[in-house]
Amino acid sequence: MAHSILVAEDQSDIRELLVMSLRNANYAVQAVGDGLAALRSQEEQPCDLLILDLMMPGLDGLEVCKALRARGSATPILMLTAKSTELDRVLGLELGADDYLTKPFSLAELLARVKALLRRADLQRAALDTSPAQAALVRNGDLEIAPAKRSVRYRGAALECTALEFDLLLHFAQHPGHVFSRAQLLDAVWGYTHDGYEHTVTTHINRLRAKLEADPIRPELILTVRGAGYKMREAPG
């Protein structure tokens, strides 16, 4: 069965172009022109992925994203924005968006992002069906990750993570001591590599450090390797 996608975009020409391109890629697509309609559509018939414009009448994309996450919705959200400031991008991610694209963007890049987000969502659902023998905990010192349950405990306390934060942390924990460049992390965790989006990795690492480190400025778990990238410390002996 084809994945279902909801496009929420108030500019009719852009909305129609997105719908046509996604349908040509064999997705089942619905489209609305404002934030309130997007929320109603998700209540009536939840989709597999939401493409959400930042600037819309009624409720803007950030408000829609915040409302969906507050309801417990884990539907992947790809945010579209005409703004290019780091603040707008970070705010969208903080409110629960999984990824973003800054206008203008190529349709090929949009389709790559959609495919990556849906692939990750499918893997998350498959993990819930993992047998106990395959669901071994991943540990590194005081860090304990249960991949099948998608849960994290650190120093005995549960740690709340977004979907991307969890995937990034798990990737590091599964390869302790291995140095990854930002481009490698984009490819491995986000599922794509595009020049200019490496700062997305930095943003998520900073958010993980804020949750894990006593002093995020002097991290002890997720380390920066100058000129090379990032790594998780090797488990204490």
Protein backbone atom coordinates (compact mmCIF):
# COMPACT_ATOMS: atom_id res chain seq x y z
CA MET A 1 0.00 0.00 0.00
CA ALA A 2 1.30 3.46 -0.91
CA HIS A 3 2.40 5.75 1.90
CA SER A 4 -0.03 8.61 2.55
CA ILE A 5 1.16 12.21 2.67
CA LEU A 6 -0.64 15.40 3.68
CA VAL A 7 0.59 18.63 2.09
CA ALA A 8 -0.32 21.81 4.01
CA GLU A 9 0.68 24.82 1.88
CA ASP A 10 -1.28 28.04 1.37
CA GLN A 11 0.27 28.98 -1.99
CA SER A 12 -1.84 27.12 -4.54
CA ASP A 13 0.85 26.92 -7.24
CA ILE A 14 3.38 25.38 -4.87
CA ARG A 15 0.74 23.08 -3.35
CA GLU A 16 -0.33 21.78 -6.76
CA LEU A 17 3.28 21.22 -7.82
CA LEU A 18 4.02 19.26 -4.65
CA VAL A 19 0.89 17.14 -5.03
CA MET A 20 1.68 16.33 -8.66
CA SER A 21 5.31 15.43 -7.92
CA LEU A 22 4.44 13.23 -4.95
CA ARG A 23 1.68 11.42 -6.83
CA ASN A 24 4.07 10.82 -9.71
CA ALA A 25 6.34 9.17 -7.12
CA ASN A 26 3.44 6.84 -6.23
CA TYR A 27 2.43 8.40 -2.92
CA ALA A 28 -1.21 8.84 -1.88
CA VAL A 29 -1.52 12.60 -1.39
CA GLN A 30 -4.06 14.93 0.18
CA ALA A 31 -3.64 18.71 0.28
CA VAL A 32 -4.97 21.60 2.39
CA GLY A 33 -4.31 25.32 2.36
CA ASP A 34 -4.10 26.29 6.03
CA GLY A 35 -3.07 25.07 9.46
CA LEU A 36 -6.54 24.48 10.88
CA ALA A 37 -7.42 22.27 7.92
CA ALA A 38 -4.20 20.34 8.46
CA LEU A 39 -5.14 19.62 12.08
CA ARG A 40 -8.67 18.56 11.12
CA SER A 41 -7.32 16.26 8.41
CA GLN A 42 -4.95 14.59 10.87
CA GLU A 43 -7.78 14.05 13.33
CA GLU A 44 -10.04 12.49 10.71
CA GLN A 45 -7.51 10.41 8.78
CA PRO A 46 -3.89 10.48 10.00
CA CYS A 47 -1.30 10.30 7.24
CA ASP A 48 2.12 8.67 7.19
CA LEU A 49 3.94 11.98 6.68
CA LEU A 50 3.07 15.67 6.84
CA ILE A 51 4.66 18.36 4.64
CA LEU A 52 3.96 21.56 6.49
CA ASP A 53 4.56 25.12 5.32
CA LEU A 54 5.84 27.43 8.05
CA MET A 55 3.88 30.54 7.05
CA MET A 56 0.15 29.83 6.70
CA PRO A 57 -3.04 31.71 7.60
CA GLY A 58 -4.93 30.78 10.75
CA LEU A 59 -2.38 28.55 12.42
CA ASP A 60 1.17 28.69 11.15
CA GLY A 61 3.32 25.61 10.68
CA LEU A 62 5.04 25.93 14.05
CA GLU A 63 1.69 26.03 15.86
CA VAL A 64 0.40 23.03 13.93
CA CYS A 65 3.57 21.09 14.69
CA LYS A 66 3.38 21.97 18.39
CA ALA A 67 -0.31 20.98 18.56
CA LEU A 68 0.26 17.61 16.91
CA ARG A 69 3.17 16.73 19.17
CA ALA A 70 1.18 17.80 22.23
CA ARG A 71 -1.49 15.28 21.17
CA GLY A 72 1.12 12.55 21.07
CA SER A 73 1.29 12.32 17.29
CA ALA A 74 4.58 10.84 16.05
CA THR A 75 3.82 11.44 12.36
CA PRO A 76 7.02 12.59 10.62
CA ILE A 77 6.89 16.30 9.76
CA LEU A 78 8.87 17.96 6.99
CA MET A 79 8.74 21.74 7.45
CA LEU A 80 8.89 24.09 4.47
CA THR A 81 10.07 27.62 5.13
CA ALA A 82 10.84 30.72 3.12
CA LYS A 83 12.88 31.97 6.06
CA SER A 84 16.54 31.09 6.20
CA THR A 85 17.63 32.13 9.69
CA GLU A 86 19.10 29.53 12.01
CA LEU A 87 16.58 30.59 14.68
CA ASP A 88 13.59 29.59 12.54
CA ARG A 89 15.12 26.22 11.73
CA VAL A 90 16.05 25.47 15.33
CA LEU A 91 12.63 26.53 16.60
CA GLY A 92 10.93 24.17 14.16
CA LEU A 93 13.11 21.29 15.31
CA GLU A 94 12.56 22.15 18.97
CA LEU A 95 8.79 21.99 18.48
CA GLY A 96 9.01 18.53 16.96
CA ALA A 97 9.60 18.86 13.23
CA ASP A 98 11.74 16.00 11.91
CA ASP A 99 13.32 17.89 9.03
CA TYR A 100 13.02 21.12 7.07
CA LEU A 101 13.62 22.56 3.62
CA THR A 102 14.23 26.22 2.85
CA LYS A 103 12.50 27.62 -0.23
CA PRO A 104 13.39 27.54 -3.05
CA PHE A 105 14.25 23.83 -3.11
CA SER A 106 14.49 21.21 -5.83
CA LEU A 107 11.80 18.58 -6.17
CA ALA A 108 14.51 15.91 -6.25
CA GLU A 109 15.70 17.03 -2.83
CA LEU A 110 12.15 17.12 -1.48
CA LEU A 111 11.52 13.56 -2.68
CA ALA A 112 14.81 12.42 -1.13
CA ARG A 113 13.79 13.89 2.23
CA VAL A 114 10.32 12.33 2.03
CA LYS A 115 11.78 8.92 1.21
CA ALA A 116 14.27 9.15 4.10
CA LEU A 117 11.62 10.19 6.64
CA LEU A 118 9.24 7.43 5.60
CA ARG A 119 12.02 4.85 5.64
CA ARG A 120 12.94 5.82 9.18
CA ALA A 121 9.30 5.68 10.28
CA ASP A 122 8.97 2.20 8.78
CA LEU A 123 12.10 1.06 10.62
CA GLN A 124 10.73 2.43 13.88
CA ARG A 125 7.50 0.48 13.43
CA ALA A 126 9.44 -2.66 12.55
CA ALA A 127 11.52 -2.27 15.72
CA LEU A 128 8.36 -2.56 17.80
CA ASP A 129 7.92 -6.07 16.41
CA THR A 130 11.49 -7.12 17.10
CA SER A 131 11.79 -10.40 18.99
CA PRO A 132 13.32 -10.33 22.49
CA ALA A 133 16.44 -12.09 21.20
CA GLN A 134 17.03 -9.24 18.76
CA ALA A 135 16.19 -6.48 21.20
CA ALA A 136 19.42 -6.40 23.18
CA LEU A 137 20.09 -3.28 25.16
CA VAL A 138 22.88 -0.98 23.99
CA ARG A 139 24.98 0.28 26.90
CA ASN A 140 27.80 2.75 27.34
CA GLY A 141 28.59 3.41 30.98
CA ASP A 142 25.53 5.06 32.53
CA LEU A 143 23.76 5.21 29.15
CA GLU A 144 21.23 2.45 28.37
CA ILE A 145 19.25 2.31 25.12
CA ALA A 146 16.43 -0.14 24.33
CA PRO A 147 16.16 -0.04 20.51
CA ALA A 148 12.89 -2.01 20.28
CA LYS A 149 11.15 0.17 22.85
CA ARG A 150 12.93 3.31 21.59
CA SER A 151 13.66 4.30 25.17
CA VAL A 152 16.75 5.80 26.78
CA ARG A 153 17.91 5.82 30.39
CA TYR A 154 20.88 7.81 31.59
CA ARG A 155 22.22 7.59 35.12
CA GLY A 156 19.09 5.67 36.08
CA ALA A 157 16.59 8.26 34.81
CA ALA A 158 14.44 8.12 31.68
CA LEU A 159 15.58 10.52 28.98
CA GLU A 160 13.05 12.08 26.62
CA CYS A 161 14.28 12.21 23.01
CA THR A 162 12.75 13.17 19.70
CA ALA A 163 12.81 10.52 16.97
CA LEU A 164 15.92 11.98 15.34
CA GLU A 165 17.69 12.52 18.65
CA PHE A 166 17.07 8.86 19.49
CA ASP A 167 18.34 7.64 16.12
CA LEU A 168 21.45 9.80 16.36
CA LEU A 169 22.22 8.71 19.92
CA LEU A 170 21.69 5.04 19.03
CA HIS A 171 23.99 5.34 16.03
CA PHE A 172 26.75 6.75 18.21
CA ALA A 173 26.17 4.14 20.93
CA GLN A 174 26.36 1.29 18.44
CA HIS A 175 29.76 2.56 17.23
CA PRO A 176 31.61 3.80 20.33
CA GLY A 177 34.94 5.43 19.55
CA HIS A 178 34.16 5.68 15.83
CA VAL A 179 34.55 9.19 14.39
CA PHE A 180 31.77 10.32 12.03
CA SER A 181 31.77 13.44 9.89
CA ARG A 182 28.57 15.47 9.75
CA ALA A 183 28.01 14.31 6.17
CA GLN A 184 28.33 10.66 7.27
CA LEU A 185 25.84 11.24 10.08
CA LEU A 186 23.40 12.89 7.68
CA ASP A 187 23.58 9.88 5.42
CA ALA A 188 23.38 7.28 8.21
CA VAL A 189 20.71 8.88 10.43
CA TRP A 190 18.74 11.27 8.25
CA GLY A 191 19.08 9.12 5.14
CA TYR A 192 20.43 11.74 2.76
CA THR A 193 23.48 13.94 2.19
CA HIS A 194 23.12 17.49 0.90
CA ASP A 195 25.71 20.24 1.09
CA GLY A 196 24.63 23.07 3.35
CA TYR A 197 22.59 20.97 5.78
CA GLU A 198 25.41 19.72 8.00
CA HIS A 199 24.44 22.30 10.63
CA THR A 200 21.30 20.19 11.23
CA VAL A 201 23.61 17.54 12.70
CA THR A 202 25.29 20.13 14.91
CA THR A 203 21.92 21.33 16.20
CA HIS A 204 20.85 17.81 17.20
CA ILE A 205 24.19 17.02 18.84
CA ASN A 206 23.94 20.22 20.87
CA ARG A 207 20.45 19.25 21.98
CA LEU A 208 21.62 15.77 23.03
CA ARG A 209 24.51 17.29 24.95
CA ALA A 210 22.12 19.63 26.76
CA LYS A 211 20.19 16.55 27.95
CA LEU A 212 23.16 14.28 28.70
CA GLU A 213 26.07 16.38 29.83
CA ALA A 214 26.60 18.04 33.20
CA ASP A 215 28.47 20.74 31.27
CA PRO A 216 27.48 20.75 27.57
CA ILE A 217 30.40 23.07 26.80
CA ARG A 218 32.81 20.38 28.04
CA PRO A 219 31.10 17.15 26.95
CA GLU A 220 32.24 13.78 28.25
CA LEU A 221 29.96 11.44 26.26
CA ILE A 222 29.57 12.82 22.72
CA LEU A 223 32.91 14.32 21.82
CA THR A 224 34.05 16.68 19.07
CA VAL A 225 37.08 15.51 17.10
CA ARG A 226 38.54 18.71 15.71
CA GLY A 227 38.60 18.77 11.93
CA ALA A 228 37.01 15.30 11.65
CA GLY A 229 33.56 15.17 13.27
CA TYR A 230 32.08 13.57 16.36
CA LYS A 231 32.29 10.35 18.32
CA MET A 232 30.87 8.73 21.41
CA ARG A 233 33.44 7.86 24.04
CA GLU A 234 34.27 4.20 24.31
CA ALA A 235 32.51 2.45 27.15
CA PRO A 236 34.42 2.69 30.43
CA GLY A 237 36.27 -0.51 31.24
